[in-house]
C-alpha atoms as a PDB file:
ATOM      1  CA  MET A   1      16.845  32.426  15.330  1.00  0.00           C
ATOM      2  CA  ASP A   2      13.191  31.535  15.700  1.00  0.00           C
ATOM      3  CA  LEU A   3      12.951  27.896  16.782  1.00  0.00           C
ATOM      4  CA  GLN A   4       9.374  27.541  15.557  1.00  0.00           C
ATOM      5  CA  ASN A   5       9.622  25.355  12.438  1.00  0.00           C
ATOM      6  CA  ALA A   6      13.424  25.572  12.499  1.00  0.00           C
ATOM      7  CA  ARG A   7      14.975  22.579  10.731  1.00  0.00           C
ATOM      8  CA  ILE A   8      17.468  21.108  13.168  1.00  0.00           C
ATOM      9  CA  LEU A   9      19.791  18.107  12.995  1.00  0.00           C
ATOM     10  CA  LEU A  10      20.533  16.886  16.524  1.00  0.00           C
ATOM     11  CA  VAL A  11      23.503  14.516  16.706  1.00  0.00           C
ATOM     12  CA  GLY A  12      23.786  12.264  19.738  1.00  0.00           C
ATOM     13  CA  SER A  13      20.147  12.458  20.671  1.00  0.00           C
ATOM     14  CA  THR A  14      19.825   9.189  22.590  1.00  0.00           C
ATOM     15  CA  GLY A  15      22.010  10.205  25.532  1.00  0.00           C
ATOM     16  CA  VAL A  16      20.543  11.937  28.568  1.00  0.00           C
ATOM     17  CA  LEU A  17      21.615  15.396  27.434  1.00  0.00           C
ATOM     18  CA  GLY A  18      20.664  14.800  23.811  1.00  0.00           C
ATOM     19  CA  GLY A  19      17.274  13.464  24.786  1.00  0.00           C
ATOM     20  CA  GLU A  20      16.549  16.504  26.925  1.00  0.00           C
ATOM     21  CA  LEU A  21      17.624  18.781  24.099  1.00  0.00           C
ATOM     22  CA  ALA A  22      15.356  16.957  21.668  1.00  0.00           C
ATOM     23  CA  THR A  23      12.430  17.355  24.053  1.00  0.00           C
ATOM     24  CA  ARG A  24      13.012  21.085  24.580  1.00  0.00           C
ATOM     25  CA  LEU A  25      13.608  21.820  20.914  1.00  0.00           C
ATOM     26  CA  ALA A  26      10.474  19.907  19.940  1.00  0.00           C
ATOM     27  CA  ALA A  27       8.485  21.814  22.553  1.00  0.00           C
ATOM     28  CA  ALA A  28       9.747  25.046  20.979  1.00  0.00           C
ATOM     29  CA  GLY A  29       8.309  23.929  17.643  1.00  0.00           C
ATOM     30  CA  ALA A  30      11.484  22.808  15.869  1.00  0.00           C
ATOM     31  CA  ARG A  31      11.404  20.222  13.106  1.00  0.00           C
ATOM     32  CA  LEU A  32      13.917  17.596  14.119  1.00  0.00           C
ATOM     33  CA  ALA A  33      16.161  15.035  12.500  1.00  0.00           C
ATOM     34  CA  LEU A  34      17.840  12.854  15.127  1.00  0.00           C
ATOM     35  CA  THR A  35      20.880  10.601  15.139  1.00  0.00           C
ATOM     36  CA  GLY A  36      21.946   7.874  17.534  1.00  0.00           C
ATOM     37  CA  ARG A  37      23.592   4.473  17.747  1.00  0.00           C
ATOM     38  CA  ARG A  38      20.797   2.586  19.532  1.00  0.00           C
ATOM     39  CA  ALA A  39      17.909   1.957  17.174  1.00  0.00           C
ATOM     40  CA  ASP A  40      15.357   1.236  19.888  1.00  0.00           C
ATOM     41  CA  ALA A  41      16.156   4.365  21.891  1.00  0.00           C
ATOM     42  CA  LEU A  42      16.214   6.451  18.716  1.00  0.00           C
ATOM     43  CA  ALA A  43      12.790   5.197  17.617  1.00  0.00           C
ATOM     44  CA  GLU A  44      11.288   5.834  21.065  1.00  0.00           C
ATOM     45  CA  LEU A  45      12.668   9.369  21.219  1.00  0.00           C
ATOM     46  CA  ALA A  46      11.529  10.135  17.678  1.00  0.00           C
ATOM     47  CA  ALA A  47       7.992   9.050  18.534  1.00  0.00           C
ATOM     48  CA  ARG A  48       7.984  11.113  21.717  1.00  0.00           C
ATOM     49  CA  THR A  49       9.315  14.273  20.079  1.00  0.00           C
ATOM     50  CA  ARG A  50       7.576  13.779  16.728  1.00  0.00           C
ATOM     51  CA  ALA A  51      10.942  13.972  14.996  1.00  0.00           C
ATOM     52  CA  GLU A  52      10.554  13.823  11.248  1.00  0.00           C
ATOM     53  CA  HIS A  53      13.632  11.732  10.444  1.00  0.00           C
ATOM     54  CA  THR A  54      16.166   9.508  12.199  1.00  0.00           C
ATOM     55  CA  PHE A  55      19.619   8.339  11.180  1.00  0.00           C
ATOM     56  CA  ALA A  56      21.857   5.636  12.589  1.00  0.00           C
ATOM     57  CA  LEU A  57      25.290   7.153  13.087  1.00  0.00           C
ATOM     58  CA  ASP A  58      28.527   5.819  14.508  1.00  0.00           C
ATOM     59  CA  LEU A  59      30.669   8.907  14.989  1.00  0.00           C
ATOM     60  CA  VAL A  60      33.887   7.009  14.344  1.00  0.00           C
ATOM     61  CA  ASP A  61      32.816   6.966  10.696  1.00  0.00           C
ATOM     62  CA  VAL A  62      33.736  10.500   9.623  1.00  0.00           C
ATOM     63  CA  GLU A  63      32.488  10.014   6.051  1.00  0.00           C
ATOM     64  CA  ARG A  64      29.101   8.914   7.352  1.00  0.00           C
ATOM     65  CA  CYS A  65      28.945  12.083   9.488  1.00  0.00           C
ATOM     66  CA  ALA A  66      29.065  14.225   6.360  1.00  0.00           C
ATOM     67  CA  THR A  67      26.549  12.011   4.561  1.00  0.00           C
ATOM     68  CA  VAL A  68      24.041  12.259   7.403  1.00  0.00           C
ATOM     69  CA  VAL A  69      24.192  16.053   7.378  1.00  0.00           C
ATOM     70  CA  ALA A  70      23.448  16.125   3.661  1.00  0.00           C
ATOM     71  CA  GLU A  71      20.651  13.558   3.977  1.00  0.00           C
ATOM     72  CA  ALA A  72      19.031  15.401   6.885  1.00  0.00           C
ATOM     73  CA  ALA A  73      19.080  18.696   4.995  1.00  0.00           C
ATOM     74  CA  GLU A  74      17.566  17.044   1.934  1.00  0.00           C
ATOM     75  CA  ARG A  75      14.752  15.394   3.887  1.00  0.00           C
ATOM     76  CA  LEU A  76      13.983  18.464   5.992  1.00  0.00           C
ATOM     77  CA  GLY A  77      14.023  20.713   2.939  1.00  0.00           C
ATOM     78  CA  GLY A  78      17.012  22.646   4.258  1.00  0.00           C
ATOM     79  CA  LEU A  79      18.939  23.117   7.472  1.00  0.00           C
ATOM     80  CA  ASP A  80      18.707  25.919  10.024  1.00  0.00           C
ATOM     81  CA  ALA A  81      20.808  24.474  12.835  1.00  0.00           C
ATOM     82  CA  LEU A  82      23.248  21.700  13.663  1.00  0.00           C
ATOM     83  CA  VAL A  83      23.385  20.634  17.317  1.00  0.00           C
ATOM     84  CA  VAL A  84      26.047  18.141  18.428  1.00  0.00           C
ATOM     85  CA  ALA A  85      25.432  16.537  21.827  1.00  0.00           C
ATOM     86  CA  SER A  86      27.627  13.469  21.446  1.00  0.00           C
ATOM     87  CA  GLY A  87      30.795  12.528  23.287  1.00  0.00           C
ATOM     88  CA  VAL A  88      32.730   9.878  25.153  1.00  0.00           C
ATOM     89  CA  ALA A  89      34.943   9.896  28.241  1.00  0.00           C
ATOM     90  CA  ALA A  90      38.114   8.103  29.330  1.00  0.00           C
ATOM     91  CA  PHE A  91      39.994   8.231  32.617  1.00  0.00           C
ATOM     92  CA  GLY A  92      43.454   7.302  33.827  1.00  0.00           C
ATOM     93  CA  PRO A  93      46.986   8.632  34.204  1.00  0.00           C
ATOM     94  CA  VAL A  94      49.124   9.620  31.242  1.00  0.00           C
ATOM     95  CA  ARG A  95      51.504   6.727  31.897  1.00  0.00           C
ATOM     96  CA  SER A  96      48.741   4.193  31.189  1.00  0.00           C
ATOM     97  CA  GLU A  97      47.110   5.829  28.159  1.00  0.00           C
ATOM     98  CA  GLN A  98      46.547   3.475  25.249  1.00  0.00           C
ATOM     99  CA  ASP A  99      46.926   4.652  21.650  1.00  0.00           C
ATOM    100  CA  ALA A 100      43.670   3.009  20.557  1.00  0.00           C
ATOM    101  CA  VAL A 101      41.716   4.719  23.330  1.00  0.00           C
ATOM    102  CA  VAL A 102      43.214   8.132  22.586  1.00  0.00           C
ATOM    103  CA  GLU A 103      42.410   7.689  18.897  1.00  0.00           C
ATOM    104  CA  GLU A 104      38.786   6.830  19.683  1.00  0.00           C
ATOM    105  CA  LEU A 105      38.495   9.801  22.043  1.00  0.00           C
ATOM    106  CA  PHE A 106      39.633  12.175  19.324  1.00  0.00           C
ATOM    107  CA  ALA A 107      37.559  10.437  16.635  1.00  0.00           C
ATOM    108  CA  ILE A 108      34.332  10.928  18.595  1.00  0.00           C
ATOM    109  CA  ASN A 109      35.010  14.127  20.550  1.00  0.00           C
ATOM    110  CA  THR A 110      36.992  16.059  17.954  1.00  0.00           C
ATOM    111  CA  LEU A 111      37.095  14.690  14.403  1.00  0.00           C
ATOM    112  CA  ALA A 112      33.375  13.874  14.235  1.00  0.00           C
ATOM    113  CA  PRO A 113      32.164  17.327  15.383  1.00  0.00           C
ATOM    114  CA  MET A 114      34.602  18.955  12.968  1.00  0.00           C
ATOM    115  CA  ALA A 115      33.316  16.802  10.102  1.00  0.00           C
ATOM    116  CA  LEU A 116      29.716  17.586  10.997  1.00  0.00           C
ATOM    117  CA  VAL A 117      30.403  21.329  11.103  1.00  0.00           C
ATOM    118  CA  ARG A 118      32.281  21.244   7.795  1.00  0.00           C
ATOM    119  CA  ALA A 119      29.392  19.437   6.137  1.00  0.00           C
ATOM    120  CA  ALA A 120      26.771  21.757   7.625  1.00  0.00           C
ATOM    121  CA  VAL A 121      28.363  25.136   6.852  1.00  0.00           C
ATOM    122  CA  PRO A 122      27.598  25.172   3.094  1.00  0.00           C
ATOM    123  CA  LEU A 123      23.958  24.299   3.853  1.00  0.00           C
ATOM    124  CA  LEU A 124      23.350  27.007   6.450  1.00  0.00           C
ATOM    125  CA  GLY A 125      22.137  30.491   5.651  1.00  0.00           C
ATOM    126  CA  PRO A 126      22.168  33.825   7.475  1.00  0.00           C
ATOM    127  CA  GLY A 127      20.560  33.608  10.912  1.00  0.00           C
ATOM    128  CA  SER A 128      21.277  29.887  11.289  1.00  0.00           C
ATOM    129  CA  ALA A 129      23.218  28.251  14.113  1.00  0.00           C
ATOM    130  CA  ILE A 130      25.772  25.617  15.039  1.00  0.00           C
ATOM    131  CA  ALA A 131      25.946  24.372  18.627  1.00  0.00           C
ATOM    132  CA  VAL A 132      28.463  21.834  19.914  1.00  0.00           C
ATOM    133  CA  ILE A 133      28.655  20.626  23.504  1.00  0.00           C
ATOM    134  CA  THR A 134      32.278  20.319  24.565  1.00  0.00           C
ATOM    135  CA  ALA A 135      33.002  20.479  28.318  1.00  0.00           C
ATOM    136  CA  VAL A 136      34.477  22.585  31.086  1.00  0.00           C
ATOM    137  CA  LEU A 137      37.601  20.432  30.575  1.00  0.00           C
ATOM    138  CA  ALA A 138      38.407  22.715  27.641  1.00  0.00           C
ATOM    139  CA  ASP A 139      38.913  25.520  30.169  1.00  0.00           C
ATOM    140  CA  ALA A 140      40.265  23.391  33.017  1.00  0.00           C
ATOM    141  CA  PRO A 141      42.306  20.390  31.799  1.00  0.00           C
ATOM    142  CA  THR A 142      42.238  17.871  34.617  1.00  0.00           C
ATOM    143  CA  ALA A 143      44.772  15.362  35.939  1.00  0.00           C
ATOM    144  CA  GLY A 144      43.669  11.802  35.250  1.00  0.00           C
ATOM    145  CA  MET A 145      41.826  13.038  32.151  1.00  0.00           C
ATOM    146  CA  ALA A 146      44.668  14.371  29.996  1.00  0.00           C
ATOM    147  CA  ALA A 147      43.618  12.918  26.650  1.00  0.00           C
ATOM    148  CA  TYR A 148      39.937  13.466  27.395  1.00  0.00           C
ATOM    149  CA  SER A 149      40.645  17.109  28.269  1.00  0.00           C
ATOM    150  CA  ALA A 150      42.736  17.542  25.128  1.00  0.00           C
ATOM    151  CA  SER A 151      39.996  16.171  22.869  1.00  0.00           C
ATOM    152  CA  LYS A 152      37.520  18.696  24.255  1.00  0.00           C
ATOM    153  CA  ALA A 153      39.997  21.582  24.173  1.00  0.00           C
ATOM    154  CA  ALA A 154      40.806  20.875  20.524  1.00  0.00           C
ATOM    155  CA  THR A 155      37.135  21.002  19.571  1.00  0.00           C
ATOM    156  CA  SER A 156      36.637  24.206  21.540  1.00  0.00           C
ATOM    157  CA  ALA A 157      39.565  25.829  19.713  1.00  0.00           C
ATOM    158  CA  TYR A 158      38.101  24.761  16.373  1.00  0.00           C
ATOM    159  CA  LEU A 159      34.747  26.301  17.256  1.00  0.00           C
ATOM    160  CA  THR A 160      36.387  29.558  18.337  1.00  0.00           C
ATOM    161  CA  ALA A 161      38.104  29.914  14.975  1.00  0.00           C
ATOM    162  CA  ALA A 162      34.969  28.842  13.080  1.00  0.00           C
ATOM    163  CA  ARG A 163      32.903  31.425  14.960  1.00  0.00           C
ATOM    164  CA  ARG A 164      35.226  34.188  13.792  1.00  0.00           C
ATOM    165  CA  GLU A 165      35.067  32.991  10.197  1.00  0.00           C
ATOM    166  CA  LEU A 166      31.305  32.486  10.077  1.00  0.00           C
ATOM    167  CA  ARG A 167      30.387  35.755  11.734  1.00  0.00           C
ATOM    168  CA  ARG A 168      30.512  37.439   8.323  1.00  0.00           C
ATOM    169  CA  ASP A 169      27.957  34.895   7.080  1.00  0.00           C
ATOM    170  CA  LYS A 170      25.717  35.595  10.097  1.00  0.00           C
ATOM    171  CA  ILE A 171      25.959  31.991  11.276  1.00  0.00           C
ATOM    172  CA  SER A 172      26.279  31.722  15.043  1.00  0.00           C
ATOM    173  CA  VAL A 173      28.573  29.105  16.601  1.00  0.00           C
ATOM    174  CA  LEU A 174      27.844  28.104  20.189  1.00  0.00           C
ATOM    175  CA  ASP A 175      30.546  26.289  22.164  1.00  0.00           C
ATOM    176  CA  ALA A 176      28.728  24.917  25.219  1.00  0.00           C
ATOM    177  CA  ARG A 177      31.251  24.049  27.940  1.00  0.00           C
ATOM    178  CA  PRO A 178      29.130  22.832  30.863  1.00  0.00           C
ATOM    179  CA  PRO A 179      30.504  21.339  34.085  1.00  0.00           C
ATOM    180  CA  HIS A 180      30.010  17.764  35.252  1.00  0.00           C
ATOM    181  CA  MET A 181      26.421  16.532  35.020  1.00  0.00           C
ATOM    182  CA  GLU A 182      24.836  13.214  35.996  1.00  0.00           C
ATOM    183  CA  THR A 183      24.208  11.934  32.482  1.00  0.00           C
ATOM    184  CA  GLY A 184      25.815   8.497  32.823  1.00  0.00           C
ATOM    185  CA  LEU A 185      28.696   9.485  30.534  1.00  0.00           C
ATOM    186  CA  ALA A 186      31.349   8.786  33.165  1.00  0.00           C
ATOM    187  CA  GLY A 187      29.938   5.324  33.775  1.00  0.00           C
ATOM    188  CA  ARG A 188      30.265   4.514  30.062  1.00  0.00           C
ATOM    189  CA  ALA A 189      33.885   5.617  29.813  1.00  0.00           C
ATOM    190  CA  LEU A 190      36.116   3.859  27.308  1.00  0.00           C
ATOM    191  CA  VAL A 191      38.552   3.046  30.100  1.00  0.00           C
ATOM    192  CA  GLY A 192      39.154   3.847  33.748  1.00  0.00           C
ATOM    193  CA  GLU A 193      37.093   4.954  36.698  1.00  0.00           C
ATOM    194  CA  PRO A 194      36.117   8.587  37.175  1.00  0.00           C
ATOM    195  CA  PRO A 195      37.725  10.436  40.068  1.00  0.00           C
ATOM    196  CA  ARG A 196      35.558  12.058  42.706  1.00  0.00           C
ATOM    197  CA  MET A 197      33.469  14.557  40.799  1.00  0.00           C
ATOM    198  CA  PRO A 198      32.296  17.965  42.001  1.00  0.00           C
ATOM    199  CA  ARG A 199      28.636  18.535  42.662  1.00  0.00           C
ATOM    200  CA  ALA A 200      26.748  17.849  39.449  1.00  0.00           C
ATOM    201  CA  ALA A 201      25.140  20.707  37.575  1.00  0.00           C
ATOM    202  CA  ASP A 202      21.426  20.483  36.873  1.00  0.00           C
ATOM    203  CA  VAL A 203      20.841  18.978  33.429  1.00  0.00           C
ATOM    204  CA  GLY A 204      17.642  20.960  32.959  1.00  0.00           C
ATOM    205  CA  GLU A 205      19.402  24.263  33.613  1.00  0.00           C
ATOM    206  CA  VAL A 206      22.167  23.415  31.150  1.00  0.00           C
ATOM    207  CA  VAL A 207      19.685  22.379  28.466  1.00  0.00           C
ATOM    208  CA  ASP A 208      17.622  25.535  28.949  1.00  0.00           C
ATOM    209  CA  LEU A 209      20.740  27.657  28.482  1.00  0.00           C
ATOM    210  CA  ILE A 210      21.843  25.743  25.386  1.00  0.00           C
ATOM    211  CA  VAL A 211      18.436  26.221  23.785  1.00  0.00           C
ATOM    212  CA  GLU A 212      18.497  29.897  24.751  1.00  0.00           C
ATOM    213  CA  GLY A 213      22.002  30.158  23.310  1.00  0.00           C
ATOM    214  CA  ILE A 214      20.920  28.658  19.998  1.00  0.00           C
ATOM    215  CA  ALA A 215      17.877  30.911  19.735  1.00  0.00           C
ATOM    216  CA  GLY A 216      19.814  34.005  20.777  1.00  0.00           C
ATOM    217  CA  GLY A 217      22.871  33.476  18.616  1.00  0.00           C
ATOM    218  CA  HIS A 218      25.267  33.271  21.566  1.00  0.00           C
ATOM    219  CA  GLY A 219      28.867  32.138  21.176  1.00  0.00           C
ATOM    220  CA  GLU A 220      29.648  30.424  24.474  1.00  0.00           C
ATOM    221  CA  LEU A 221      28.057  28.726  27.458  1.00  0.00           C
ATOM    222  CA  VAL A 222      30.594  28.770  30.270  1.00  0.00           C
ATOM    223  CA  VAL A 223      30.842  28.001  33.968  1.00  0.00           C
ATOM    224  CA  ASP A 224      32.559  30.253  36.496  1.00  0.00           C
ATOM    225  CA  LEU A 225      35.212  27.967  37.979  1.00  0.00           C
ATOM    226  CA  SER A 226      35.057  29.692  41.363  1.00  0.00           C
ATOM    227  CA  SER A 227      31.314  29.989  41.857  1.00  0.00           C
ATOM    228  CA  GLY A 228      29.951  27.289  39.545  1.00  0.00           C
ATOM    229  CA  ALA A 229      27.548  29.779  37.969  1.00  0.00           C
ATOM    230  CA  LEU A 230      26.574  29.153  34.348  1.00  0.00           C
ATOM    231  CA  SER A 231      26.238  31.958  31.839  1.00  0.00           C
ATOM    232  CA  LEU A 232      25.893  32.673  28.149  1.00  0.00           C
ATOM    233  CA  ARG A 233      28.033  35.164  26.345  1.00  0.00           C
END
């Protein structure tokens, strides 16, 4: 899809990754609607990227997720792409997992993206795109991150099935599964301390590939677990 004047709803724009995506998409000429939880950060980013609309969104509220998609499409005069860059982490062994934490992990990492996709699909036409950032954990579930890994794997499976369904409608579905990056996500975990992480991938490289994936209609952004190389397919 041509990003120039593309009407894009970017969910989770006030994080490091979301902010970089907003900047790159704006530079490509996209018309943006942004969501976030922090009003001050959202307003600053909107001013910097000349986003046309902003929406406060707590992803735990699944009904609000659907409402925001509809409102963004109405205000933008349609919708050409949905990009979901939100997420939350949690660390710790299975024996100490708390039900409330697991529920919040799945609410934010799984149920919210699913709700956003469901709401967006009827509004998207041929040549449009959906892009959701999951994580390499979907391919490599990791000890000390069982529930976190499962929440990402569930979303990745949903996107795989959705991609197959929506291919006939010429709507691309990108499942971006990048490796660990220094975005501050681990430091804001719901519980626990992150284990020693591998060398962080470059945020700029990941963002460039996601934007390329959206524009090119790609289905996956993956990392080679042996070499660490990122690629679109």
